[in-house]
Amino acid sequence: MLAHWAAVQTRAPGWPQHTALFNATGPGRVYCELAVLSVGPAALGRRAAAAGWRGAAWEAVVELRTGRTHQVEPCTLPT
């Protein structure tokens, strides 16, 4: 299980509006919790190959226990 607190629509000089994540509660923060049910390799489609993608792809199945979709973001890791 992953849990954190999020401050949505955060504004800071030089940054676009964003969601800031924290390890503790605080003013304006909402609790977020999700469970990772499974992680495994995913097949890349033709468009990914045509775009030059050479890395591996992974797919995660998660359960949003608090229903906050803003806590899930894709990322690219170096290979």
N, C-alpha and C. Protein backbone atom coordinates (compact mmCIF):
# COMPACT_ATOMS: atom_id res chain seq x y z
N MET A 1 0.84 -1.16 0.00
CA MET A 1 0.00 0.00 0.00
C MET A 1 0.90 1.25 0.00
N LEU A 2 0.48 2.25 -0.74
CA LEU A 2 1.18 3.54 -0.78
C LEU A 2 0.23 4.60 -0.24
N ALA A 3 0.75 5.45 0.62
CA ALA A 3 -0.08 6.50 1.19
C ALA A 3 0.73 7.78 1.30
N HIS A 4 0.06 8.90 1.07
CA HIS A 4 0.67 10.21 1.22
C HIS A 4 -0.44 11.25 1.31
N TRP A 5 -0.05 12.48 1.52
CA TRP A 5 -0.99 13.59 1.54
C TRP A 5 -0.68 14.50 0.36
N ALA A 6 -1.71 15.02 -0.27
CA ALA A 6 -1.53 15.84 -1.47
C ALA A 6 -2.18 17.21 -1.27
N ALA A 7 -1.47 18.22 -1.73
CA ALA A 7 -2.01 19.58 -1.78
C ALA A 7 -2.23 19.89 -3.25
N VAL A 8 -3.49 19.85 -3.69
CA VAL A 8 -3.81 20.06 -5.10
C VAL A 8 -3.83 21.55 -5.42
N GLN A 9 -3.62 21.86 -6.68
CA GLN A 9 -3.61 23.24 -7.19
C GLN A 9 -2.61 24.11 -6.42
N THR A 10 -1.43 23.54 -6.15
CA THR A 10 -0.37 24.27 -5.47
C THR A 10 0.27 25.26 -6.43
N ARG A 11 0.55 26.44 -5.96
CA ARG A 11 1.21 27.46 -6.78
C ARG A 11 2.52 27.86 -6.09
N ALA A 12 3.56 27.97 -6.89
CA ALA A 12 4.86 28.42 -6.39
C ALA A 12 5.52 29.24 -7.49
N PRO A 13 6.27 30.28 -7.12
CA PRO A 13 6.92 31.12 -8.13
C PRO A 13 7.79 30.29 -9.08
N GLY A 14 7.61 30.48 -10.37
CA GLY A 14 8.40 29.78 -11.36
C GLY A 14 7.91 28.39 -11.72
N TRP A 15 6.84 27.94 -11.10
CA TRP A 15 6.31 26.60 -11.36
C TRP A 15 4.86 26.72 -11.83
N PRO A 16 4.42 25.81 -12.72
CA PRO A 16 3.00 25.79 -13.06
C PRO A 16 2.20 25.23 -11.88
N GLN A 17 0.91 25.45 -11.91
CA GLN A 17 0.04 24.88 -10.88
C GLN A 17 0.25 23.38 -10.88
N HIS A 18 0.37 22.78 -9.70
CA HIS A 18 0.67 21.36 -9.62
C HIS A 18 0.12 20.77 -8.31
N THR A 19 0.25 19.45 -8.20
CA THR A 19 -0.10 18.75 -6.97
C THR A 19 1.19 18.44 -6.23
N ALA A 20 1.33 18.92 -5.02
CA ALA A 20 2.51 18.66 -4.19
C ALA A 20 2.20 17.51 -3.25
N LEU A 21 3.16 16.59 -3.11
CA LEU A 21 2.97 15.41 -2.26
C LEU A 21 3.81 15.53 -1.00
N PHE A 22 3.25 15.03 0.11
CA PHE A 22 3.89 15.12 1.41
C PHE A 22 3.75 13.81 2.16
N ASN A 23 4.63 13.58 3.13
CA ASN A 23 4.58 12.38 3.96
C ASN A 23 3.76 12.58 5.23
N ALA A 24 3.24 13.78 5.44
CA ALA A 24 2.47 14.06 6.66
C ALA A 24 1.32 15.01 6.33
N THR A 25 0.33 14.98 7.18
CA THR A 25 -0.82 15.86 7.01
C THR A 25 -0.41 17.31 7.25
N GLY A 26 -1.24 18.22 6.77
CA GLY A 26 -0.99 19.64 6.95
C GLY A 26 -2.15 20.43 6.37
N PRO A 27 -2.12 21.75 6.49
CA PRO A 27 -3.21 22.58 5.99
C PRO A 27 -3.45 22.39 4.49
N GLY A 28 -4.69 22.14 4.11
CA GLY A 28 -5.04 22.02 2.70
C GLY A 28 -4.64 20.71 2.05
N ARG A 29 -4.17 19.75 2.81
CA ARG A 29 -3.73 18.46 2.25
C ARG A 29 -4.82 17.41 2.41
N VAL A 30 -4.95 16.55 1.39
CA VAL A 30 -5.92 15.46 1.45
C VAL A 30 -5.16 14.14 1.46
N TYR A 31 -5.72 13.18 2.18
CA TYR A 31 -5.10 11.86 2.30
C TYR A 31 -5.33 11.06 1.03
N CYS A 32 -4.28 10.41 0.53
CA CYS A 32 -4.36 9.56 -0.66
C CYS A 32 -3.82 8.19 -0.32
N GLU A 33 -4.51 7.16 -0.77
CA GLU A 33 -4.06 5.79 -0.52
C GLU A 33 -4.37 4.93 -1.73
N LEU A 34 -3.38 4.15 -2.15
CA LEU A 34 -3.62 3.19 -3.23
C LEU A 34 -2.89 1.90 -2.93
N ALA A 35 -3.39 0.82 -3.49
CA ALA A 35 -2.76 -0.49 -3.36
C ALA A 35 -2.32 -0.94 -4.75
N VAL A 36 -1.09 -1.41 -4.86
CA VAL A 36 -0.59 -1.96 -6.12
C VAL A 36 -0.98 -3.43 -6.12
N LEU A 37 -1.85 -3.82 -7.05
CA LEU A 37 -2.33 -5.20 -7.10
C LEU A 37 -1.41 -6.09 -7.92
N SER A 38 -0.84 -5.55 -9.00
CA SER A 38 0.10 -6.33 -9.81
C SER A 38 0.89 -5.40 -10.70
N VAL A 39 2.08 -5.86 -11.09
CA VAL A 39 2.95 -5.15 -12.03
C VAL A 39 3.56 -6.19 -12.95
N GLY A 40 3.54 -5.92 -14.25
CA GLY A 40 4.13 -6.86 -15.18
C GLY A 40 4.46 -6.21 -16.50
N PRO A 41 5.23 -6.90 -17.33
CA PRO A 41 5.60 -6.35 -18.62
C PRO A 41 4.37 -6.17 -19.51
N ALA A 42 4.42 -5.15 -20.35
CA ALA A 42 3.33 -4.87 -21.29
C ALA A 42 3.90 -4.83 -22.69
N ALA A 43 3.16 -5.35 -23.63
CA ALA A 43 3.60 -5.35 -25.02
C ALA A 43 3.51 -3.94 -25.60
N LEU A 44 4.54 -3.57 -26.34
CA LEU A 44 4.53 -2.27 -27.02
C LEU A 44 3.85 -2.41 -28.37
N GLY A 45 3.06 -1.44 -28.74
CA GLY A 45 2.38 -1.46 -30.03
C GLY A 45 3.26 -0.93 -31.15
N ARG A 46 2.75 -0.98 -32.35
CA ARG A 46 3.49 -0.51 -33.53
C ARG A 46 3.84 0.97 -33.43
N ARG A 47 2.93 1.77 -32.88
CA ARG A 47 3.20 3.21 -32.79
C ARG A 47 4.40 3.49 -31.89
N ALA A 48 4.55 2.75 -30.81
CA ALA A 48 5.70 2.95 -29.92
C ALA A 48 6.98 2.60 -30.64
N ALA A 49 6.98 1.49 -31.37
CA ALA A 49 8.17 1.08 -32.12
C ALA A 49 8.48 2.10 -33.21
N ALA A 50 7.46 2.60 -33.89
CA ALA A 50 7.66 3.60 -34.94
C ALA A 50 8.20 4.91 -34.38
N ALA A 51 7.87 5.20 -33.13
CA ALA A 51 8.36 6.43 -32.49
C ALA A 51 9.77 6.26 -31.96
N GLY A 52 10.33 5.05 -32.09
CA GLY A 52 11.70 4.82 -31.66
C GLY A 52 11.85 4.35 -30.23
N TRP A 53 10.74 3.96 -29.59
CA TRP A 53 10.81 3.48 -28.22
C TRP A 53 11.59 2.18 -28.19
N ARG A 54 12.65 2.13 -27.40
CA ARG A 54 13.46 0.92 -27.33
C ARG A 54 13.45 0.29 -25.94
N GLY A 55 12.83 0.94 -25.00
CA GLY A 55 12.81 0.42 -23.63
C GLY A 55 11.70 -0.58 -23.42
N ALA A 56 11.65 -1.11 -22.25
CA ALA A 56 10.60 -2.04 -21.87
C ALA A 56 9.41 -1.23 -21.34
N ALA A 57 8.25 -1.78 -21.45
CA ALA A 57 7.05 -1.15 -20.91
C ALA A 57 6.49 -2.03 -19.80
N TRP A 58 5.95 -1.38 -18.79
CA TRP A 58 5.37 -2.10 -17.66
C TRP A 58 3.96 -1.58 -17.43
N GLU A 59 3.12 -2.46 -16.95
CA GLU A 59 1.74 -2.11 -16.66
C GLU A 59 1.47 -2.43 -15.20
N ALA A 60 0.86 -1.49 -14.51
CA ALA A 60 0.50 -1.70 -13.11
C ALA A 60 -1.01 -1.66 -12.96
N VAL A 61 -1.52 -2.55 -12.15
CA VAL A 61 -2.93 -2.54 -11.80
C VAL A 61 -3.00 -2.06 -10.35
N VAL A 62 -3.71 -0.95 -10.15
CA VAL A 62 -3.80 -0.36 -8.81
C VAL A 62 -5.25 -0.22 -8.38
N GLU A 63 -5.44 -0.20 -7.09
CA GLU A 63 -6.76 0.07 -6.51
C GLU A 63 -6.66 1.41 -5.80
N LEU A 64 -7.45 2.39 -6.25
CA LEU A 64 -7.46 3.70 -5.60
C LEU A 64 -8.39 3.63 -4.40
N ARG A 65 -7.83 3.47 -3.24
CA ARG A 65 -8.64 3.28 -2.04
C ARG A 65 -9.34 4.55 -1.59
N THR A 66 -8.79 5.72 -1.96
CA THR A 66 -9.45 6.98 -1.62
C THR A 66 -10.03 7.65 -2.86
N GLY A 67 -9.87 7.02 -4.03
CA GLY A 67 -10.49 7.52 -5.26
C GLY A 67 -9.87 8.77 -5.84
N ARG A 68 -8.66 9.09 -5.47
CA ARG A 68 -8.02 10.32 -5.94
C ARG A 68 -7.13 10.02 -7.14
N THR A 69 -7.66 10.24 -8.34
CA THR A 69 -6.93 9.90 -9.56
C THR A 69 -5.68 10.75 -9.76
N HIS A 70 -5.61 11.94 -9.14
CA HIS A 70 -4.43 12.79 -9.32
C HIS A 70 -3.17 12.18 -8.70
N GLN A 71 -3.31 11.12 -7.91
CA GLN A 71 -2.12 10.55 -7.28
C GLN A 71 -1.41 9.55 -8.20
N VAL A 72 -1.96 9.24 -9.36
CA VAL A 72 -1.34 8.28 -10.27
C VAL A 72 -0.82 9.01 -11.50
N GLU A 73 0.48 8.92 -11.71
CA GLU A 73 1.09 9.58 -12.86
C GLU A 73 2.06 8.61 -13.54
N PRO A 74 2.09 8.63 -14.87
CA PRO A 74 3.06 7.76 -15.56
C PRO A 74 4.46 8.33 -15.40
N CYS A 75 5.44 7.47 -15.52
CA CYS A 75 6.82 7.96 -15.47
C CYS A 75 7.67 7.11 -16.40
N THR A 76 8.78 7.66 -16.80
CA THR A 76 9.74 6.96 -17.62
C THR A 76 11.03 6.84 -16.82
N LEU A 77 11.52 5.63 -16.67
CA LEU A 77 12.74 5.39 -15.93
C LEU A 77 13.89 5.13 -16.89
N PRO A 78 15.09 5.56 -16.56
CA PRO A 78 16.22 5.28 -17.43
C PRO A 78 16.49 3.78 -17.50
N THR A 79 16.95 3.34 -18.67
CA THR A 79 17.24 1.91 -18.82
C THR A 79 18.71 1.63 -18.64
